[in-house]
Amino acid sequence: MSTGYRFHIRGHLDDRWSDWLGGLAIERMEDGTSVLSGPIPDQAALHGVIGRIRDLGLPLLAVECIGDECAEVPWSAQPEARGSPLSLSDPHEQIHLITGDISNPTTDNKGDQSCD
C-alpha cells in the first residue's frame, strides 16, 4: 500500500525529471517553487526520493504526507516510546536546537597527523 506525499522544493523542475523521481507529478508554482506529489510505496522509497532531490541540488522546503494513511500518529508510537534517547515528559514540550557560528570553527588541530 502506498502513501501519498507532497514535496515542496525551491526552483522549477522540468517534467522530464518525473520518472527519475519515481513518477511524481511536478507542478511549478508562481513563487518559483515546485511541488512534487504522488504515492510512495514505503519508507525506503521515501528516503530515495529525498536523496534524489538532494542530488539535484534543490533545496527541500517541506515534505507533507497526504491522504487517509497520514492520520495523526498516536503518542505511543512517537520516538521516545520506542526507546529513543529523546524523551520528553510533556508531549507538547518544544525542542530548541542550540545554534552557533559554524563559519569559523575553533580547533587547535593538536593531534592531527599529516596524510603525507
Protein backbone atom coordinates (compact mmCIF):
# COMPACT_ATOMS: atom_id res chain seq x y z
CA MET A 1 0.00 0.00 0.00
CA SER A 2 1.37 3.42 -0.96
CA THR A 3 1.14 6.65 0.98
CA GLY A 4 0.75 9.97 -0.79
CA TYR A 5 3.42 12.63 -0.31
CA ARG A 6 3.92 16.20 -1.43
CA PHE A 7 7.47 17.62 -1.65
CA HIS A 8 7.93 21.39 -1.83
CA ILE A 9 11.24 22.44 -3.37
CA ARG A 10 12.83 25.75 -4.28
CA GLY A 11 13.22 26.17 -8.03
CA HIS A 12 11.37 24.96 -11.07
CA LEU A 13 11.90 21.36 -12.10
CA ASP A 14 11.25 20.22 -15.66
CA ASP A 15 8.69 17.44 -16.24
CA ARG A 16 11.41 15.14 -17.62
CA TRP A 17 12.59 14.52 -14.02
CA SER A 18 9.29 12.88 -13.06
CA ASP A 19 10.36 9.33 -13.97
CA TRP A 20 13.69 9.70 -12.18
CA LEU A 21 11.76 10.80 -9.07
CA GLY A 22 9.54 7.71 -9.00
CA GLY A 23 6.79 9.04 -11.26
CA LEU A 24 5.89 12.00 -9.07
CA ALA A 25 3.78 14.71 -10.69
CA ILE A 26 5.58 18.06 -10.96
CA GLU A 27 3.73 21.33 -10.55
CA ARG A 28 5.62 24.60 -10.97
CA MET A 29 4.33 27.40 -8.75
CA GLU A 30 4.34 31.14 -9.47
CA ASP A 31 6.54 31.81 -6.43
CA GLY A 32 9.49 29.98 -8.01
CA THR A 33 8.96 26.69 -6.20
CA SER A 34 7.84 23.28 -7.43
CA VAL A 35 5.54 20.78 -5.79
CA LEU A 36 6.20 17.10 -6.46
CA SER A 37 3.36 14.79 -5.49
CA GLY A 38 2.28 11.20 -5.73
CA PRO A 39 2.26 7.84 -4.00
CA ILE A 40 5.41 6.50 -2.32
CA PRO A 41 5.31 2.73 -1.60
CA ASP A 42 7.38 2.65 1.59
CA GLN A 43 9.92 4.45 3.79
CA ALA A 44 12.88 3.26 1.73
CA ALA A 45 11.36 4.80 -1.41
CA LEU A 46 10.59 7.99 0.54
CA HIS A 47 14.23 8.33 1.57
CA GLY A 48 15.24 7.56 -2.02
CA VAL A 49 13.15 10.46 -3.36
CA ILE A 50 14.56 12.81 -0.72
CA GLY A 51 18.08 11.71 -1.68
CA ARG A 52 17.41 12.34 -5.36
CA ILE A 53 16.08 15.82 -4.60
CA ARG A 54 19.31 16.42 -2.68
CA ASP A 55 21.36 15.06 -5.59
CA LEU A 56 19.71 17.60 -7.91
CA GLY A 57 20.93 20.35 -5.58
CA LEU A 58 17.41 21.66 -4.99
CA PRO A 59 16.57 22.96 -1.52
CA LEU A 60 13.84 20.82 0.05
CA LEU A 61 11.40 23.19 1.75
CA ALA A 62 8.81 20.74 3.08
CA VAL A 63 7.60 17.15 2.95
CA GLU A 64 3.93 16.60 3.52
CA CYS A 65 2.08 13.32 3.98
CA ILE A 66 -1.30 13.42 2.22
CA GLY A 67 -4.33 11.14 2.32
CA ASP A 68 -6.07 8.90 4.84
CA GLU A 69 -2.89 6.93 5.58
CA CYS A 70 -1.44 10.06 7.19
CA ALA A 71 -3.73 10.16 10.19
CA GLU A 72 -2.10 11.55 13.30
CA VAL A 73 0.28 9.05 14.85
CA PRO A 74 -0.68 8.24 18.45
CA TRP A 75 1.77 9.47 21.10
CA SER A 76 2.62 5.85 21.99
CA ALA A 77 4.21 5.48 18.55
CA GLN A 78 6.43 8.55 18.95
CA PRO A 79 10.24 8.04 19.02
CA GLU A 80 10.73 8.17 22.80
CA ALA A 81 8.15 5.41 23.21
CA ARG A 82 10.40 3.15 21.13
CA GLY A 83 13.47 3.67 23.31
CA SER A 84 14.87 6.77 21.64
CA PRO A 85 17.33 8.76 23.76
CA LEU A 86 15.00 11.72 23.20
CA SER A 87 12.41 11.60 25.93
CA LEU A 88 10.02 14.38 26.79
CA SER A 89 7.85 14.18 29.86
CA ASP A 90 5.31 16.50 28.24
CA PRO A 91 4.37 15.62 24.64
CA HIS A 92 3.69 19.30 23.94
CA GLU A 93 7.10 20.48 25.12
CA GLN A 94 9.18 22.14 22.42
CA ILE A 95 12.70 21.10 21.50
CA HIS A 96 15.04 24.01 20.95
CA LEU A 97 18.20 23.47 18.95
CA ILE A 98 21.43 25.03 20.12
CA THR A 99 22.90 27.05 17.32
CA GLY A 100 26.22 28.74 17.00
CA ASP A 101 28.60 30.24 14.49
CA ILE A 102 29.96 27.33 12.48
CA SER A 103 31.56 29.53 9.84
CA ASN A 104 34.75 29.75 11.89
CA PRO A 105 35.16 26.52 13.86
CA THR A 106 37.64 26.64 16.69
CA THR A 107 40.20 23.91 16.92
CA ASP A 108 43.84 23.81 17.83
CA ASN A 109 44.44 20.85 15.49
CA LYS A 110 46.63 19.21 18.12
CA GLY A 111 46.96 15.54 17.44
CA ASP A 112 46.19 15.92 13.74
CA GLN A 113 48.55 13.95 11.57
CA SER A 114 49.65 14.70 8.06
CA CYS A 115 48.45 12.41 5.28
CA ASP A 116 51.82 12.58 3.52
